[in-house]
């Protein structure tokens, strides 16, 4: 409309102050202006006898359309499948999932909207994408760092989960199996909770993760294992067990790493002993007591506890109250260890 209509806002008739700002005479029409089909104007004259540029019906309609066209174009509507993102650090790896979240809205999802045994984009709109900042292990297969699309083939008792190298897909129409990186099976679980919208979640377990995909009352899950344990073990073997480091904190942190993972406690004890050899610190003795207790080495734990009491009692930065509380706490642990030896 604006291609054939020009409003000259600067043309004013100074001698006619009472005239309206927009006047028929201030509107210029192109010879190719479309016919609006006005047979009789407001003055009762036939269209053929009334100048087109002065017809108040046409003029008013055009001004109304110009004023309101921009307002209509600014109306926004919420997405039926809003974008979702979940990001999580697991170990030293950053894991990110971007997807669109369709809602059930009273529909039957699996076996209905989402067909069984058919390829599904695992979302809506653009393909769901998963990104790893470092290599990970899924289904005992190595997945290099990078971004991949997630496709699934839902079944009644298990799904096929697919990581595909093509992340540009909209829907699944252009999906190609030749771009698959890995495929694996995931068992179906039925939940008490109703998931109105497709939900992807990440549960963190020590240095690793479990990814959950749920919608309606159907859920699957699969593990993502990082290689951080392998990296840490290699670093400890190369730098700490060979005594290359002289920082007692590194030895204490390595011992704590094994302790909280509850594995390789013999190595944890060796490392905390190396920390104590470099700094006679009461906190290191507390760590050693915890390790010995978990190993059920109660006699060694009692000896270590008495050494810790002695160190705390000689601390110049502690007042009498702090020393008393520390001694009482350690003595309770000695009583516990003695009771364990009697059993």
C-alpha atoms as a PDB file:
ATOM      1  CA  UNK A   1       0.000   0.000   0.000  1.00  0.00           C
ATOM      2  CA  UNK A   2       2.836   2.380   0.886  1.00  0.00           C
ATOM      3  CA  UNK A   3       4.261   1.888  -2.642  1.00  0.00           C
ATOM      4  CA  UNK A   4       1.414   3.811  -4.244  1.00  0.00           C
ATOM      5  CA  UNK A   5       0.439   6.138  -1.363  1.00  0.00           C
ATOM      6  CA  UNK A   6       2.464   9.189  -0.291  1.00  0.00           C
ATOM      7  CA  UNK A   7       1.440  11.313   2.667  1.00  0.00           C
ATOM      8  CA  UNK A   8       2.944  14.756   2.585  1.00  0.00           C
ATOM      9  CA  UNK A   9       2.981  15.656   6.283  1.00  0.00           C
ATOM     10  CA  UNK A  10       4.715  18.945   5.613  1.00  0.00           C
ATOM     11  CA  UNK A  11       2.000  20.431   3.343  1.00  0.00           C
ATOM     12  CA  UNK A  12      -0.240  22.703   5.405  1.00  0.00           C
ATOM     13  CA  UNK A  13      -2.709  25.449   4.409  1.00  0.00           C
ATOM     14  CA  UNK A  14      -1.870  28.383   6.718  1.00  0.00           C
ATOM     15  CA  UNK A  15      -5.115  30.163   5.770  1.00  0.00           C
ATOM     16  CA  UNK A  16      -7.238  27.238   6.894  1.00  0.00           C
ATOM     17  CA  UNK A  17      -6.112  26.655  10.496  1.00  0.00           C
ATOM     18  CA  UNK A  18      -9.379  24.967  11.414  1.00  0.00           C
ATOM     19  CA  UNK A  19      -9.004  22.347   8.709  1.00  0.00           C
ATOM     20  CA  UNK A  20      -7.926  18.867   9.817  1.00  0.00           C
ATOM     21  CA  UNK A  21      -4.215  18.017   9.574  1.00  0.00           C
ATOM     22  CA  UNK A  22      -4.840  15.100   7.154  1.00  0.00           C
ATOM     23  CA  UNK A  23      -6.876  16.427   4.244  1.00  0.00           C
ATOM     24  CA  UNK A  24      -7.919  14.638   1.070  1.00  0.00           C
ATOM     25  CA  UNK A  25      -5.873  17.170  -0.864  1.00  0.00           C
ATOM     26  CA  UNK A  26      -2.749  16.111   1.045  1.00  0.00           C
ATOM     27  CA  UNK A  27      -2.996  12.571  -0.293  1.00  0.00           C
ATOM     28  CA  UNK A  28      -1.534  11.793  -3.688  1.00  0.00           C
ATOM     29  CA  UNK A  29      -2.572   8.635  -5.455  1.00  0.00           C
ATOM     30  CA  UNK A  30      -0.692   6.733  -8.088  1.00  0.00           C
ATOM     31  CA  UNK A  31      -2.453   6.130 -11.423  1.00  0.00           C
ATOM     32  CA  UNK A  32      -2.141   2.412 -10.618  1.00  0.00           C
ATOM     33  CA  UNK A  33      -4.004   2.730  -7.321  1.00  0.00           C
ATOM     34  CA  UNK A  34      -6.348  -0.271  -6.834  1.00  0.00           C
ATOM     35  CA  UNK A  35     -10.103   0.241  -7.100  1.00  0.00           C
ATOM     36  CA  UNK A  36     -11.704  -0.105  -3.658  1.00  0.00           C
ATOM     37  CA  UNK A  37     -15.135  -0.578  -5.203  1.00  0.00           C
ATOM     38  CA  UNK A  38     -16.778   2.497  -3.627  1.00  0.00           C
ATOM     39  CA  UNK A  39     -19.899   3.053  -5.739  1.00  0.00           C
ATOM     40  CA  UNK A  40     -21.354   6.065  -3.914  1.00  0.00           C
ATOM     41  CA  UNK A  41     -19.376   8.493  -1.763  1.00  0.00           C
ATOM     42  CA  UNK A  42     -20.532  10.167   1.410  1.00  0.00           C
ATOM     43  CA  UNK A  43     -21.766  13.164  -0.634  1.00  0.00           C
ATOM     44  CA  UNK A  44     -24.145  10.977  -2.593  1.00  0.00           C
ATOM     45  CA  UNK A  45     -22.167  11.399  -5.792  1.00  0.00           C
ATOM     46  CA  UNK A  46     -21.315   8.491  -8.013  1.00  0.00           C
ATOM     47  CA  UNK A  47     -17.697   7.456  -8.083  1.00  0.00           C
ATOM     48  CA  UNK A  48     -17.310   8.471 -11.709  1.00  0.00           C
ATOM     49  CA  UNK A  49     -18.350  12.071 -10.876  1.00  0.00           C
ATOM     50  CA  UNK A  50     -16.265  12.379  -7.675  1.00  0.00           C
ATOM     51  CA  UNK A  51     -12.469  12.780  -7.810  1.00  0.00           C
ATOM     52  CA  UNK A  52     -10.803   9.658  -6.435  1.00  0.00           C
ATOM     53  CA  UNK A  53      -8.309  11.697  -4.432  1.00  0.00           C
ATOM     54  CA  UNK A  54     -11.133  13.489  -2.604  1.00  0.00           C
ATOM     55  CA  UNK A  55     -13.344  10.508  -1.705  1.00  0.00           C
ATOM     56  CA  UNK A  56     -13.571  10.589   2.129  1.00  0.00           C
ATOM     57  CA  UNK A  57     -14.443   6.860   2.342  1.00  0.00           C
ATOM     58  CA  UNK A  58     -11.264   5.759   0.588  1.00  0.00           C
ATOM     59  CA  UNK A  59      -9.160   8.383   2.356  1.00  0.00           C
ATOM     60  CA  UNK A  60     -10.342   7.370   5.842  1.00  0.00           C
ATOM     61  CA  UNK A  61      -9.802   3.681   5.104  1.00  0.00           C
ATOM     62  CA  UNK A  62      -6.250   4.241   3.883  1.00  0.00           C
ATOM     63  CA  UNK A  63      -5.292   6.390   6.882  1.00  0.00           C
ATOM     64  CA  UNK A  64      -6.706   3.748   9.266  1.00  0.00           C
ATOM     65  CA  UNK A  65      -4.704   0.985   7.572  1.00  0.00           C
ATOM     66  CA  UNK A  66      -1.478   2.995   7.687  1.00  0.00           C
ATOM     67  CA  UNK A  67      -1.844   3.783  11.389  1.00  0.00           C
ATOM     68  CA  UNK A  68      -2.780   0.263  12.465  1.00  0.00           C
ATOM     69  CA  UNK A  69      -0.590  -1.896  10.176  1.00  0.00           C
ATOM     70  CA  UNK A  70       2.519  -1.577  12.375  1.00  0.00           C
ATOM     71  CA  UNK A  71       0.534  -2.388  15.530  1.00  0.00           C
ATOM     72  CA  UNK A  72      -0.779  -5.612  14.043  1.00  0.00           C
ATOM     73  CA  UNK A  73       2.714  -6.688  12.994  1.00  0.00           C
ATOM     74  CA  UNK A  74       4.065  -6.385  16.584  1.00  0.00           C
ATOM     75  CA  UNK A  75       1.812  -9.032  18.147  1.00  0.00           C
ATOM     76  CA  UNK A  76       3.886 -11.927  19.586  1.00  0.00           C
ATOM     77  CA  UNK A  77       2.640 -15.381  20.420  1.00  0.00           C
ATOM     78  CA  UNK A  78       4.305 -17.854  22.824  1.00  0.00           C
ATOM     79  CA  UNK A  79       5.961 -20.922  21.351  1.00  0.00           C
ATOM     80  CA  UNK A  80       4.028 -24.174  21.683  1.00  0.00           C
ATOM     81  CA  UNK A  81       7.388 -25.915  22.168  1.00  0.00           C
ATOM     82  CA  UNK A  82       9.630 -23.465  24.060  1.00  0.00           C
ATOM     83  CA  UNK A  83      13.370 -23.883  23.900  1.00  0.00           C
ATOM     84  CA  UNK A  84      15.086 -25.571  26.808  1.00  0.00           C
ATOM     85  CA  UNK A  85      18.717 -25.874  27.859  1.00  0.00           C
ATOM     86  CA  UNK A  86      20.473 -27.756  30.625  1.00  0.00           C
ATOM     87  CA  UNK A  87      24.165 -27.368  31.350  1.00  0.00           C
ATOM     88  CA  UNK A  88      26.192 -29.300  33.900  1.00  0.00           C
ATOM     89  CA  UNK A  89      29.821 -29.811  34.870  1.00  0.00           C
ATOM     90  CA  UNK A  90      30.671 -33.466  35.433  1.00  0.00           C
ATOM     91  CA  UNK A  91      34.202 -33.992  36.638  1.00  0.00           C
ATOM     92  CA  UNK A  92      36.188 -31.642  34.422  1.00  0.00           C
ATOM     93  CA  UNK A  93      33.764 -31.985  31.490  1.00  0.00           C
ATOM     94  CA  UNK A  94      31.025 -29.516  30.589  1.00  0.00           C
ATOM     95  CA  UNK A  95      27.850 -31.169  29.244  1.00  0.00           C
ATOM     96  CA  UNK A  96      25.125 -29.104  27.525  1.00  0.00           C
ATOM     97  CA  UNK A  97      21.792 -30.169  26.008  1.00  0.00           C
ATOM     98  CA  UNK A  98      19.676 -27.837  23.838  1.00  0.00           C
ATOM     99  CA  UNK A  99      16.172 -28.930  22.867  1.00  0.00           C
ATOM    100  CA  UNK A 100      12.598 -27.830  22.260  1.00  0.00           C
ATOM    101  CA  UNK A 101       9.911 -28.921  24.732  1.00  0.00           C
ATOM    102  CA  UNK A 102       6.546 -29.947  23.257  1.00  0.00           C
ATOM    103  CA  UNK A 103       3.634 -30.342  25.694  1.00  0.00           C
ATOM    104  CA  UNK A 104       1.191 -33.249  25.967  1.00  0.00           C
ATOM    105  CA  UNK A 105      -1.940 -31.039  26.130  1.00  0.00           C
ATOM    106  CA  UNK A 106      -4.185 -34.038  26.747  1.00  0.00           C
ATOM    107  CA  UNK A 107      -2.809 -36.099  23.885  1.00  0.00           C
ATOM    108  CA  UNK A 108      -1.530 -39.669  24.066  1.00  0.00           C
ATOM    109  CA  UNK A 109       2.194 -39.328  23.505  1.00  0.00           C
ATOM    110  CA  UNK A 110       3.988 -42.645  23.039  1.00  0.00           C
ATOM    111  CA  UNK A 111       2.108 -44.955  20.743  1.00  0.00           C
ATOM    112  CA  UNK A 112       0.020 -41.958  19.685  1.00  0.00           C
ATOM    113  CA  UNK A 113       1.663 -38.645  18.795  1.00  0.00           C
ATOM    114  CA  UNK A 114       5.077 -40.310  18.865  1.00  0.00           C
ATOM    115  CA  UNK A 115       4.815 -43.602  16.998  1.00  0.00           C
ATOM    116  CA  UNK A 116       6.476 -46.735  18.313  1.00  0.00           C
ATOM    117  CA  UNK A 117       9.382 -48.107  16.288  1.00  0.00           C
ATOM    118  CA  UNK A 118       9.662 -44.886  14.259  1.00  0.00           C
ATOM    119  CA  UNK A 119      12.533 -42.407  14.243  1.00  0.00           C
ATOM    120  CA  UNK A 120      11.822 -39.396  16.492  1.00  0.00           C
ATOM    121  CA  UNK A 121      13.693 -36.118  16.720  1.00  0.00           C
ATOM    122  CA  UNK A 122      13.402 -36.325  20.562  1.00  0.00           C
ATOM    123  CA  UNK A 123      11.827 -32.906  20.781  1.00  0.00           C
ATOM    124  CA  UNK A 124      10.209 -30.479  18.364  1.00  0.00           C
ATOM    125  CA  UNK A 125      11.430 -28.159  15.633  1.00  0.00           C
ATOM    126  CA  UNK A 126      15.210 -28.241  15.367  1.00  0.00           C
ATOM    127  CA  UNK A 127      17.008 -31.410  16.355  1.00  0.00           C
ATOM    128  CA  UNK A 128      17.981 -31.891  19.978  1.00  0.00           C
ATOM    129  CA  UNK A 129      21.726 -31.325  20.458  1.00  0.00           C
ATOM    130  CA  UNK A 130      24.191 -32.533  23.092  1.00  0.00           C
ATOM    131  CA  UNK A 131      27.664 -31.044  23.551  1.00  0.00           C
ATOM    132  CA  UNK A 132      30.685 -32.453  25.402  1.00  0.00           C
ATOM    133  CA  UNK A 133      33.705 -30.271  26.142  1.00  0.00           C
ATOM    134  CA  UNK A 134      35.918 -33.350  26.580  1.00  0.00           C
ATOM    135  CA  UNK A 135      35.742 -36.977  25.422  1.00  0.00           C
ATOM    136  CA  UNK A 136      33.249 -39.177  27.289  1.00  0.00           C
ATOM    137  CA  UNK A 137      32.226 -42.822  27.367  1.00  0.00           C
ATOM    138  CA  UNK A 138      28.642 -43.870  26.501  1.00  0.00           C
ATOM    139  CA  UNK A 139      27.645 -47.530  26.325  1.00  0.00           C
ATOM    140  CA  UNK A 140      31.334 -48.464  26.581  1.00  0.00           C
ATOM    141  CA  UNK A 141      32.080 -46.466  23.440  1.00  0.00           C
ATOM    142  CA  UNK A 142      34.281 -43.391  23.293  1.00  0.00           C
ATOM    143  CA  UNK A 143      32.574 -40.190  22.149  1.00  0.00           C
ATOM    144  CA  UNK A 144      34.954 -37.382  21.249  1.00  0.00           C
ATOM    145  CA  UNK A 145      34.364 -33.823  22.360  1.00  0.00           C
ATOM    146  CA  UNK A 146      31.926 -31.964  20.135  1.00  0.00           C
ATOM    147  CA  UNK A 147      28.224 -31.473  19.432  1.00  0.00           C
ATOM    148  CA  UNK A 148      25.873 -34.227  18.264  1.00  0.00           C
ATOM    149  CA  UNK A 149      22.161 -34.531  17.533  1.00  0.00           C
ATOM    150  CA  UNK A 150      20.058 -36.926  19.604  1.00  0.00           C
ATOM    151  CA  UNK A 151      17.506 -39.121  17.829  1.00  0.00           C
ATOM    152  CA  UNK A 152      15.536 -41.966  19.343  1.00  0.00           C
ATOM    153  CA  UNK A 153      13.362 -44.847  18.231  1.00  0.00           C
ATOM    154  CA  UNK A 154      10.841 -45.332  21.066  1.00  0.00           C
ATOM    155  CA  UNK A 155       9.536 -48.805  21.828  1.00  0.00           C
ATOM    156  CA  UNK A 156       7.183 -50.141  24.486  1.00  0.00           C
ATOM    157  CA  UNK A 157       9.920 -51.787  26.586  1.00  0.00           C
ATOM    158  CA  UNK A 158      13.119 -50.179  25.292  1.00  0.00           C
ATOM    159  CA  UNK A 159      14.304 -47.357  23.068  1.00  0.00           C
ATOM    160  CA  UNK A 160      17.143 -47.060  20.614  1.00  0.00           C
ATOM    161  CA  UNK A 161      19.169 -43.913  21.355  1.00  0.00           C
ATOM    162  CA  UNK A 162      21.223 -42.433  18.522  1.00  0.00           C
ATOM    163  CA  UNK A 163      23.969 -39.822  18.505  1.00  0.00           C
ATOM    164  CA  UNK A 164      24.253 -38.406  15.000  1.00  0.00           C
ATOM    165  CA  UNK A 165      26.956 -36.104  13.617  1.00  0.00           C
ATOM    166  CA  UNK A 166      24.511 -33.909  11.641  1.00  0.00           C
ATOM    167  CA  UNK A 167      23.348 -31.066  13.918  1.00  0.00           C
ATOM    168  CA  UNK A 168      21.636 -28.960  11.210  1.00  0.00           C
ATOM    169  CA  UNK A 169      18.470 -31.024  10.897  1.00  0.00           C
ATOM    170  CA  UNK A 170      14.948 -29.715  11.358  1.00  0.00           C
ATOM    171  CA  UNK A 171      12.789 -32.668  12.294  1.00  0.00           C
ATOM    172  CA  UNK A 172      13.891 -36.099  11.102  1.00  0.00           C
ATOM    173  CA  UNK A 173      13.031 -35.937   7.404  1.00  0.00           C
ATOM    174  CA  UNK A 174      16.645 -35.480   6.225  1.00  0.00           C
ATOM    175  CA  UNK A 175      18.157 -37.816   8.814  1.00  0.00           C
ATOM    176  CA  UNK A 176      20.802 -40.176   7.422  1.00  0.00           C
ATOM    177  CA  UNK A 177      21.953 -43.284   9.248  1.00  0.00           C
ATOM    178  CA  UNK A 178      25.393 -42.916   7.660  1.00  0.00           C
ATOM    179  CA  UNK A 179      26.012 -39.951   9.992  1.00  0.00           C
ATOM    180  CA  UNK A 180      25.330 -42.002  13.131  1.00  0.00           C
ATOM    181  CA  UNK A 181      28.138 -41.976  15.664  1.00  0.00           C
ATOM    182  CA  UNK A 182      26.712 -44.559  18.061  1.00  0.00           C
ATOM    183  CA  UNK A 183      23.467 -46.432  18.724  1.00  0.00           C
ATOM    184  CA  UNK A 184      22.534 -48.134  21.980  1.00  0.00           C
ATOM    185  CA  UNK A 185      19.498 -49.446  23.872  1.00  0.00           C
ATOM    186  CA  UNK A 186      17.825 -47.872  26.920  1.00  0.00           C
ATOM    187  CA  UNK A 187      15.161 -49.569  29.042  1.00  0.00           C
ATOM    188  CA  UNK A 188      11.779 -47.885  29.505  1.00  0.00           C
ATOM    189  CA  UNK A 189      10.716 -46.914  33.021  1.00  0.00           C
ATOM    190  CA  UNK A 190       7.206 -45.767  33.925  1.00  0.00           C
ATOM    191  CA  UNK A 191       6.983 -42.969  36.474  1.00  0.00           C
ATOM    192  CA  UNK A 192       4.370 -41.852  38.985  1.00  0.00           C
ATOM    193  CA  UNK A 193       5.041 -38.282  37.987  1.00  0.00           C
ATOM    194  CA  UNK A 194       3.306 -36.883  34.910  1.00  0.00           C
ATOM    195  CA  UNK A 195       5.667 -34.831  32.752  1.00  0.00           C
ATOM    196  CA  UNK A 196       3.442 -32.411  30.860  1.00  0.00           C
ATOM    197  CA  UNK A 197       6.338 -31.245  28.680  1.00  0.00           C
ATOM    198  CA  UNK A 198       9.269 -33.203  27.321  1.00  0.00           C
ATOM    199  CA  UNK A 199      11.952 -33.020  30.025  1.00  0.00           C
ATOM    200  CA  UNK A 200      15.655 -33.823  29.775  1.00  0.00           C
ATOM    201  CA  UNK A 201      17.606 -33.847  33.028  1.00  0.00           C
ATOM    202  CA  UNK A 202      21.143 -34.627  34.190  1.00  0.00           C
ATOM    203  CA  UNK A 203      21.852 -36.385  37.476  1.00  0.00           C
ATOM    204  CA  UNK A 204      25.436 -36.016  38.661  1.00  0.00           C
ATOM    205  CA  UNK A 205      27.166 -39.014  40.185  1.00  0.00           C
ATOM    206  CA  UNK A 206      30.840 -38.801  41.205  1.00  0.00           C
ATOM    207  CA  UNK A 207      32.621 -37.392  38.130  1.00  0.00           C
ATOM    208  CA  UNK A 208      29.997 -38.935  35.822  1.00  0.00           C
ATOM    209  CA  UNK A 209      26.330 -38.434  34.945  1.00  0.00           C
ATOM    210  CA  UNK A 210      23.025 -40.077  34.106  1.00  0.00           C
ATOM    211  CA  UNK A 211      20.830 -38.396  31.469  1.00  0.00           C
ATOM    212  CA  UNK A 212      17.055 -38.786  31.809  1.00  0.00           C
ATOM    213  CA  UNK A 213      14.542 -38.242  28.993  1.00  0.00           C
ATOM    214  CA  UNK A 214      10.919 -38.150  30.200  1.00  0.00           C
ATOM    215  CA  UNK A 215       7.521 -37.243  28.803  1.00  0.00           C
ATOM    216  CA  UNK A 216       4.063 -38.062  30.022  1.00  0.00           C
ATOM    217  CA  UNK A 217       4.791 -41.035  32.354  1.00  0.00           C
ATOM    218  CA  UNK A 218       7.508 -42.643  30.248  1.00  0.00           C
ATOM    219  CA  UNK A 219      11.214 -42.272  30.999  1.00  0.00           C
ATOM    220  CA  UNK A 220      14.540 -43.629  29.786  1.00  0.00           C
ATOM    221  CA  UNK A 221      18.042 -42.997  31.075  1.00  0.00           C
ATOM    222  CA  UNK A 222      21.657 -43.647  30.098  1.00  0.00           C
ATOM    223  CA  UNK A 223      25.069 -43.057  31.653  1.00  0.00           C
ATOM    224  CA  UNK A 224      27.738 -40.638  30.513  1.00  0.00           C
ATOM    225  CA  UNK A 225      31.149 -41.477  31.969  1.00  0.00           C
ATOM    226  CA  UNK A 226      34.038 -39.061  31.865  1.00  0.00           C
ATOM    227  CA  UNK A 227      37.678 -40.052  31.695  1.00  0.00           C
ATOM    228  CA  UNK A 228      38.583 -37.877  34.668  1.00  0.00           C
ATOM    229  CA  UNK A 229      39.340 -40.827  36.971  1.00  0.00           C
ATOM    230  CA  UNK A 230      41.837 -42.159  34.452  1.00  0.00           C
ATOM    231  CA  UNK A 231      43.434 -38.721  34.078  1.00  0.00           C
ATOM    232  CA  UNK A 232      43.647 -38.158  37.847  1.00  0.00           C
ATOM    233  CA  UNK A 233      45.133 -41.599  38.451  1.00  0.00           C
ATOM    234  CA  UNK A 234      47.761 -41.025  35.791  1.00  0.00           C
ATOM    235  CA  UNK A 235      48.646 -37.646  37.271  1.00  0.00           C
ATOM    236  CA  UNK A 236      48.911 -39.086  40.804  1.00  0.00           C
ATOM    237  CA  UNK A 237      51.133 -41.917  39.587  1.00  0.00           C
ATOM    238  CA  UNK A 238      53.402 -39.590  37.615  1.00  0.00           C
ATOM    239  CA  UNK A 239      53.704 -36.709  40.083  1.00  0.00           C
ATOM    240  CA  UNK A 240      52.827 -37.811  43.621  1.00  0.00           C
ATOM    241  CA  UNK A 241      53.706 -41.485  43.986  1.00  0.00           C
ATOM    242  CA  UNK A 242      57.097 -40.613  42.474  1.00  0.00           C
ATOM    243  CA  UNK A 243      57.571 -37.756  45.018  1.00  0.00           C
ATOM    244  CA  UNK A 244      57.999 -35.137  42.291  1.00  0.00           C
ATOM    245  CA  UNK A 245      55.788 -32.684  44.158  1.00  0.00           C
ATOM    246  CA  UNK A 246      56.804 -31.071  47.438  1.00  0.00           C
ATOM    247  CA  UNK A 247      53.369 -29.535  48.108  1.00  0.00           C
ATOM    248  CA  UNK A 248      51.693 -31.412  51.005  1.00  0.00           C
ATOM    249  CA  UNK A 249      48.279 -30.076  49.951  1.00  0.00           C
ATOM    250  CA  UNK A 250      48.475 -31.970  46.661  1.00  0.00           C
ATOM    251  CA  UNK A 251      49.076 -35.228  48.507  1.00  0.00           C
ATOM    252  CA  UNK A 252      46.257 -34.517  50.966  1.00  0.00           C
ATOM    253  CA  UNK A 253      43.829 -33.652  48.162  1.00  0.00           C
ATOM    254  CA  UNK A 254      44.734 -36.823  46.283  1.00  0.00           C
ATOM    255  CA  UNK A 255      44.148 -38.894  49.445  1.00  0.00           C
ATOM    256  CA  UNK A 256      40.784 -37.164  49.925  1.00  0.00           C
ATOM    257  CA  UNK A 257      39.885 -37.886  46.288  1.00  0.00           C
ATOM    258  CA  UNK A 258      40.253 -41.636  46.823  1.00  0.00           C
ATOM    259  CA  UNK A 259      38.559 -41.496  50.220  1.00  0.00           C
ATOM    260  CA  UNK A 260      35.383 -39.834  48.957  1.00  0.00           C
ATOM    261  CA  UNK A 261      35.203 -42.181  45.981  1.00  0.00           C
ATOM    262  CA  UNK A 262      35.688 -45.019  48.486  1.00  0.00           C
ATOM    263  CA  UNK A 263      38.233 -46.777  46.337  1.00  0.00           C
ATOM    264  CA  UNK A 264      41.947 -47.493  46.437  1.00  0.00           C
ATOM    265  CA  UNK A 265      42.152 -46.708  50.160  1.00  0.00           C
ATOM    266  CA  UNK A 266      45.629 -48.239  50.429  1.00  0.00           C
ATOM    267  CA  UNK A 267      46.848 -45.622  47.977  1.00  0.00           C
ATOM    268  CA  UNK A 268      44.958 -42.937  49.900  1.00  0.00           C
ATOM    269  CA  UNK A 269      46.862 -43.922  53.086  1.00  0.00           C
ATOM    270  CA  UNK A 270      50.212 -43.767  51.276  1.00  0.00           C
ATOM    271  CA  UNK A 271      49.384 -40.288  49.972  1.00  0.00           C
ATOM    272  CA  UNK A 272      48.270 -38.878  53.327  1.00  0.00           C
ATOM    273  CA  UNK A 273      51.448 -40.243  54.935  1.00  0.00           C
ATOM    274  CA  UNK A 274      53.444 -38.353  52.312  1.00  0.00           C
ATOM    275  CA  UNK A 275      51.510 -35.180  53.163  1.00  0.00           C
ATOM    276  CA  UNK A 276      52.253 -35.631  56.898  1.00  0.00           C
ATOM    277  CA  UNK A 277      55.933 -36.217  56.151  1.00  0.00           C
ATOM    278  CA  UNK A 278      56.039 -32.803  54.473  1.00  0.00           C
ATOM    279  CA  UNK A 279      53.934 -30.962  57.057  1.00  0.00           C
ATOM    280  CA  UNK A 280      52.986 -32.183  60.530  1.00  0.00           C
ATOM    281  CA  UNK A 281      49.452 -30.837  60.247  1.00  0.00           C
ATOM    282  CA  UNK A 282      46.599 -31.884  62.568  1.00  0.00           C
ATOM    283  CA  UNK A 283      44.122 -31.788  59.687  1.00  0.00           C
ATOM    284  CA  UNK A 284      46.149 -34.396  57.818  1.00  0.00           C
ATOM    285  CA  UNK A 285      45.949 -36.674  60.845  1.00  0.00           C
ATOM    286  CA  UNK A 286      42.179 -36.292  60.848  1.00  0.00           C
ATOM    287  CA  UNK A 287      42.116 -37.416  57.208  1.00  0.00           C
ATOM    288  CA  UNK A 288      44.320 -40.397  58.056  1.00  0.00           C
ATOM    289  CA  UNK A 289      42.002 -41.376  60.941  1.00  0.00           C
ATOM    290  CA  UNK A 290      39.032 -41.385  58.555  1.00  0.00           C
ATOM    291  CA  UNK A 291      40.897 -43.578  56.057  1.00  0.00           C
ATOM    292  CA  UNK A 292      41.991 -46.060  58.741  1.00  0.00           C
ATOM    293  CA  UNK A 293      38.451 -46.249  60.110  1.00  0.00           C
ATOM    294  CA  UNK A 294      37.064 -47.090  56.686  1.00  0.00           C
ATOM    295  CA  UNK A 295      39.752 -49.760  56.333  1.00  0.00           C
ATOM    296  CA  UNK A 296      38.735 -51.040  59.785  1.00  0.00           C
ATOM    297  CA  UNK A 297      42.315 -50.654  61.001  1.00  0.00           C
ATOM    298  CA  UNK A 298      41.212 -49.578  64.461  1.00  0.00           C
ATOM    299  CA  UNK A 299      44.527 -50.014  66.337  1.00  0.00           C
ATOM    300  CA  UNK A 300      46.331 -47.727  63.881  1.00  0.00           C
ATOM    301  CA  UNK A 301      43.393 -45.336  64.055  1.00  0.00           C
ATOM    302  CA  UNK A 302      43.725 -45.096  67.860  1.00  0.00           C
ATOM    303  CA  UNK A 303      47.462 -44.328  67.624  1.00  0.00           C
ATOM    304  CA  UNK A 304      46.824 -41.690  64.983  1.00  0.00           C
ATOM    305  CA  UNK A 305      44.038 -40.118  67.049  1.00  0.00           C
ATOM    306  CA  UNK A 306      46.340 -39.734  70.064  1.00  0.00           C
ATOM    307  CA  UNK A 307      48.923 -37.997  67.888  1.00  0.00           C
ATOM    308  CA  UNK A 308      46.189 -35.625  66.645  1.00  0.00           C
ATOM    309  CA  UNK A 309      45.188 -34.813  70.238  1.00  0.00           C
ATOM    310  CA  UNK A 310      48.785 -33.994  71.106  1.00  0.00           C
ATOM    311  CA  UNK A 311      49.132 -31.662  68.110  1.00  0.00           C
ATOM    312  CA  UNK A 312      45.908 -29.801  68.906  1.00  0.00           C
ATOM    313  CA  UNK A 313      46.812 -29.342  72.568  1.00  0.00           C
ATOM    314  CA  UNK A 314      50.086 -27.678  71.589  1.00  0.00           C
ATOM    315  CA  UNK A 315      48.510 -25.226  69.148  1.00  0.00           C
ATOM    316  CA  UNK A 316      49.364 -21.651  70.079  1.00  0.00           C
ATOM    317  CA  UNK A 317      46.491 -20.196  68.037  1.00  0.00           C
ATOM    318  CA  UNK A 318      43.785 -22.092  69.970  1.00  0.00           C
ATOM    319  CA  UNK A 319      42.234 -21.064  73.260  1.00  0.00           C
ATOM    320  CA  UNK A 320      41.500 -23.473  76.117  1.00  0.00           C
ATOM    321  CA  UNK A 321      37.886 -23.990  75.043  1.00  0.00           C
ATOM    322  CA  UNK A 322      38.849 -25.042  71.505  1.00  0.00           C
ATOM    323  CA  UNK A 323      41.479 -27.444  72.798  1.00  0.00           C
ATOM    324  CA  UNK A 324      38.992 -29.005  75.216  1.00  0.00           C
ATOM    325  CA  UNK A 325      36.327 -29.508  72.545  1.00  0.00           C
ATOM    326  CA  UNK A 326      38.846 -31.052  70.155  1.00  0.00           C
ATOM    327  CA  UNK A 327      40.135 -33.470  72.813  1.00  0.00           C
ATOM    328  CA  UNK A 328      36.607 -34.565  73.770  1.00  0.00           C
ATOM    329  CA  UNK A 329      35.738 -35.242  70.139  1.00  0.00           C
ATOM    330  CA  UNK A 330      38.856 -37.345  69.564  1.00  0.00           C
ATOM    331  CA  UNK A 331      38.355 -39.294  72.800  1.00  0.00           C
ATOM    332  CA  UNK A 332      34.876 -40.282  71.630  1.00  0.00           C
ATOM    333  CA  UNK A 333      36.433 -41.692  68.485  1.00  0.00           C
ATOM    334  CA  UNK A 334      38.976 -43.647  70.529  1.00  0.00           C
ATOM    335  CA  UNK A 335      36.132 -45.141  72.573  1.00  0.00           C
ATOM    336  CA  UNK A 336      34.363 -46.125  69.352  1.00  0.00           C
ATOM    337  CA  UNK A 337      37.509 -47.783  67.953  1.00  0.00           C
ATOM    338  CA  UNK A 338      38.056 -49.700  71.207  1.00  0.00           C
ATOM    339  CA  UNK A 339      34.473 -50.972  71.078  1.00  0.00           C
ATOM    340  CA  UNK A 340      35.001 -52.139  67.513  1.00  0.00           C
ATOM    341  CA  UNK A 341      38.115 -54.089  68.589  1.00  0.00           C
ATOM    342  CA  UNK A 342      36.111 -55.891  71.253  1.00  0.00           C
ATOM    343  CA  UNK A 343      33.586 -57.202  68.762  1.00  0.00           C
END
